[in-house]
Structures are given as C-alpha cells and as structure tokens.
Amino acid sequence: MSEQKNGTNPEEIQKLEVVLQLPETAELIDETFYVWETRYGLWSTMTQKGRKMLTGLTREAVVDMTRWHLKCEQDGTLDKYTRVVNNGMVGGKL
C-alpha cells in the first residue's frame, strides 16, 4: 500500500525507465533516486520522477550530496545553504 501512496510501484518505475531512457547500469538508491556512470566516467543522479540532480567525479560523492540535497528540500532548509555569487548585471555604461 505504501508503494502506491508515494508513486513508486514497479509498473510506474518501468514506465519511467522507458520514457527517461535510463542506462541499464542505473541503480535505484533508497527507492528515491537513480545513480549511473556516464560515458565520460562521471556519475549522475536523477529522481524517480525524472528530475536530473547532480553530476560528479565519484559515485560516493554524488550519492551523498543527492541525499543531502533531497533532505534539505524536504526539510525546507536548502535556502540556508544557497547564495547568489554574482547577479550577472554589468554596472556603468557600455
């Protein structure tokens, strides 16, 4: 019953895999997101709903940071760790 409640029943997962074309090597982590090695040797993650998350050098780093990011989103604390470095505006006359 809990599988249907959160939208992760096996039929829906198969449909997502077909639509999103996950690599055969993609592994489901914590029944929340997928992780796989890219063709360039990097590691990427994506939620079960298809939102691409992170890409990084090692599997462990990407899995850890994806877990942290999703936890912060769930807790509503992501804004405490986010800042704008540059606003992209050029001052003065051009």
C-alpha atoms as a PDB file:
ATOM      1  CA  MET A   1       0.000   0.000   0.000  1.00  0.00           C
ATOM      2  CA  SER A   2       2.814   2.449   0.774  1.00  0.00           C
ATOM      3  CA  GLU A   3       4.310   1.826  -2.676  1.00  0.00           C
ATOM      4  CA  GLN A   4       1.151   3.095  -4.359  1.00  0.00           C
ATOM      5  CA  LYS A   5       0.884   6.006  -1.923  1.00  0.00           C
ATOM      6  CA  ASN A   6       4.240   7.533  -2.872  1.00  0.00           C
ATOM      7  CA  GLY A   7       4.039   6.633  -6.578  1.00  0.00           C
ATOM      8  CA  THR A   8       6.855   4.096  -6.746  1.00  0.00           C
ATOM      9  CA  ASN A   9       5.075   0.926  -7.721  1.00  0.00           C
ATOM     10  CA  PRO A  10       7.024  -1.333 -10.124  1.00  0.00           C
ATOM     11  CA  GLU A  11       4.801  -0.572 -13.127  1.00  0.00           C
ATOM     12  CA  GLU A  12       5.364   3.171 -12.793  1.00  0.00           C
ATOM     13  CA  ILE A  13       9.110   2.651 -12.389  1.00  0.00           C
ATOM     14  CA  GLN A  14       9.209   0.609 -15.607  1.00  0.00           C
ATOM     15  CA  LYS A  15       7.268   3.318 -17.445  1.00  0.00           C
ATOM     16  CA  LEU A  16       9.692   5.977 -16.209  1.00  0.00           C
ATOM     17  CA  GLU A  17      12.691   3.901 -17.250  1.00  0.00           C
ATOM     18  CA  VAL A  18      11.294   3.626 -20.779  1.00  0.00           C
ATOM     19  CA  VAL A  19      10.412   7.324 -21.041  1.00  0.00           C
ATOM     20  CA  LEU A  20      13.616   8.610 -19.448  1.00  0.00           C
ATOM     21  CA  GLN A  21      15.878   6.033 -21.116  1.00  0.00           C
ATOM     22  CA  LEU A  22      17.901   5.246 -18.028  1.00  0.00           C
ATOM     23  CA  PRO A  23      21.120   3.377 -18.693  1.00  0.00           C
ATOM     24  CA  GLU A  24      20.997  -0.333 -17.928  1.00  0.00           C
ATOM     25  CA  THR A  25      23.605   0.270 -15.231  1.00  0.00           C
ATOM     26  CA  ALA A  26      21.400   2.759 -13.337  1.00  0.00           C
ATOM     27  CA  GLU A  27      20.935   1.740  -9.718  1.00  0.00           C
ATOM     28  CA  LEU A  28      17.993   2.797  -7.552  1.00  0.00           C
ATOM     29  CA  ILE A  29      19.201   4.318  -4.267  1.00  0.00           C
ATOM     30  CA  ASP A  30      16.947   4.471  -1.189  1.00  0.00           C
ATOM     31  CA  GLU A  31      13.980   3.957  -3.539  1.00  0.00           C
ATOM     32  CA  THR A  32      14.266   7.698  -4.206  1.00  0.00           C
ATOM     33  CA  PHE A  33      16.776   8.366  -6.985  1.00  0.00           C
ATOM     34  CA  TYR A  34      18.907   6.651  -9.606  1.00  0.00           C
ATOM     35  CA  VAL A  35      22.684   6.794  -9.969  1.00  0.00           C
ATOM     36  CA  TRP A  36      24.708   5.750 -13.021  1.00  0.00           C
ATOM     37  CA  GLU A  37      28.115   6.214 -14.616  1.00  0.00           C
ATOM     38  CA  THR A  38      28.127   8.447 -17.683  1.00  0.00           C
ATOM     39  CA  ARG A  39      30.052   7.720 -20.852  1.00  0.00           C
ATOM     40  CA  TYR A  40      32.735  10.188 -19.743  1.00  0.00           C
ATOM     41  CA  GLY A  41      33.391   8.378 -16.465  1.00  0.00           C
ATOM     42  CA  LEU A  42      31.424  10.798 -14.294  1.00  0.00           C
ATOM     43  CA  TRP A  43      28.458   9.838 -12.094  1.00  0.00           C
ATOM     44  CA  SER A  44      24.949  11.326 -12.378  1.00  0.00           C
ATOM     45  CA  THR A  45      21.749  11.137 -10.364  1.00  0.00           C
ATOM     46  CA  MET A  46      18.097  11.626 -11.177  1.00  0.00           C
ATOM     47  CA  THR A  47      14.943  11.395  -9.061  1.00  0.00           C
ATOM     48  CA  GLN A  48      12.352   8.760  -9.794  1.00  0.00           C
ATOM     49  CA  LYS A  49      10.148  11.480 -11.235  1.00  0.00           C
ATOM     50  CA  GLY A  50      12.804  12.341 -13.809  1.00  0.00           C
ATOM     51  CA  ARG A  51      14.410  15.467 -12.347  1.00  0.00           C
ATOM     52  CA  LYS A  52      18.120  15.359 -13.053  1.00  0.00           C
ATOM     53  CA  MET A  53      20.060  16.215  -9.924  1.00  0.00           C
ATOM     54  CA  LEU A  54      23.862  16.071  -9.756  1.00  0.00           C
ATOM     55  CA  THR A  55      26.902  15.018 -11.745  1.00  0.00           C
ATOM     56  CA  GLY A  56      30.251  14.455 -10.094  1.00  0.00           C
ATOM     57  CA  LEU A  57      33.572  12.694 -10.123  1.00  0.00           C
ATOM     58  CA  THR A  58      32.820   9.787  -7.772  1.00  0.00           C
ATOM     59  CA  ARG A  59      29.750   7.673  -7.119  1.00  0.00           C
ATOM     60  CA  GLU A  60      30.015   8.140  -3.358  1.00  0.00           C
ATOM     61  CA  ALA A  61      30.157  11.929  -3.570  1.00  0.00           C
ATOM     62  CA  VAL A  62      27.178  12.138  -5.920  1.00  0.00           C
ATOM     63  CA  VAL A  63      25.057   9.767  -3.814  1.00  0.00           C
ATOM     64  CA  ASP A  64      25.924  11.581  -0.561  1.00  0.00           C
ATOM     65  CA  MET A  65      25.219  15.043  -1.969  1.00  0.00           C
ATOM     66  CA  THR A  66      21.986  13.950  -3.662  1.00  0.00           C
ATOM     67  CA  ARG A  67      20.772  12.538  -0.340  1.00  0.00           C
ATOM     68  CA  TRP A  68      21.726  15.784   1.397  1.00  0.00           C
ATOM     69  CA  HIS A  69      20.076  17.949  -1.278  1.00  0.00           C
ATOM     70  CA  LEU A  70      16.814  15.983  -1.166  1.00  0.00           C
ATOM     71  CA  LYS A  71      16.795  16.061   2.649  1.00  0.00           C
ATOM     72  CA  CYS A  72      17.257  19.839   2.639  1.00  0.00           C
ATOM     73  CA  GLU A  73      14.439  20.216   0.118  1.00  0.00           C
ATOM     74  CA  GLN A  74      12.188  18.080   2.292  1.00  0.00           C
ATOM     75  CA  ASP A  75      13.106  19.997   5.474  1.00  0.00           C
ATOM     76  CA  GLY A  76      12.805  23.358   3.729  1.00  0.00           C
ATOM     77  CA  THR A  77      16.360  24.317   4.682  1.00  0.00           C
ATOM     78  CA  LEU A  78      18.002  24.411   1.242  1.00  0.00           C
ATOM     79  CA  ASP A  79      17.900  28.220   1.201  1.00  0.00           C
ATOM     80  CA  LYS A  80      20.181  28.290   4.276  1.00  0.00           C
ATOM     81  CA  TYR A  81      22.951  26.744   2.169  1.00  0.00           C
ATOM     82  CA  THR A  82      22.339  28.689  -1.061  1.00  0.00           C
ATOM     83  CA  ARG A  83      23.673  32.100  -2.037  1.00  0.00           C
ATOM     84  CA  VAL A  84      23.992  34.188  -5.183  1.00  0.00           C
ATOM     85  CA  VAL A  85      27.619  34.923  -6.017  1.00  0.00           C
ATOM     86  CA  ASN A  86      27.024  37.290  -8.936  1.00  0.00           C
ATOM     87  CA  ASN A  87      23.836  38.801 -10.255  1.00  0.00           C
ATOM     88  CA  GLY A  88      25.069  38.905 -13.867  1.00  0.00           C
ATOM     89  CA  MET A  89      24.496  42.639 -14.326  1.00  0.00           C
ATOM     90  CA  VAL A  90      27.169  44.940 -15.729  1.00  0.00           C
ATOM     91  CA  GLY A  91      27.414  48.286 -13.968  1.00  0.00           C
ATOM     92  CA  GLY A  92      28.063  51.562 -15.781  1.00  0.00           C
ATOM     93  CA  LYS A  93      27.733  52.497 -19.441  1.00  0.00           C
ATOM     94  CA  LEU A  94      28.862  50.175 -22.179  1.00  0.00           C
END
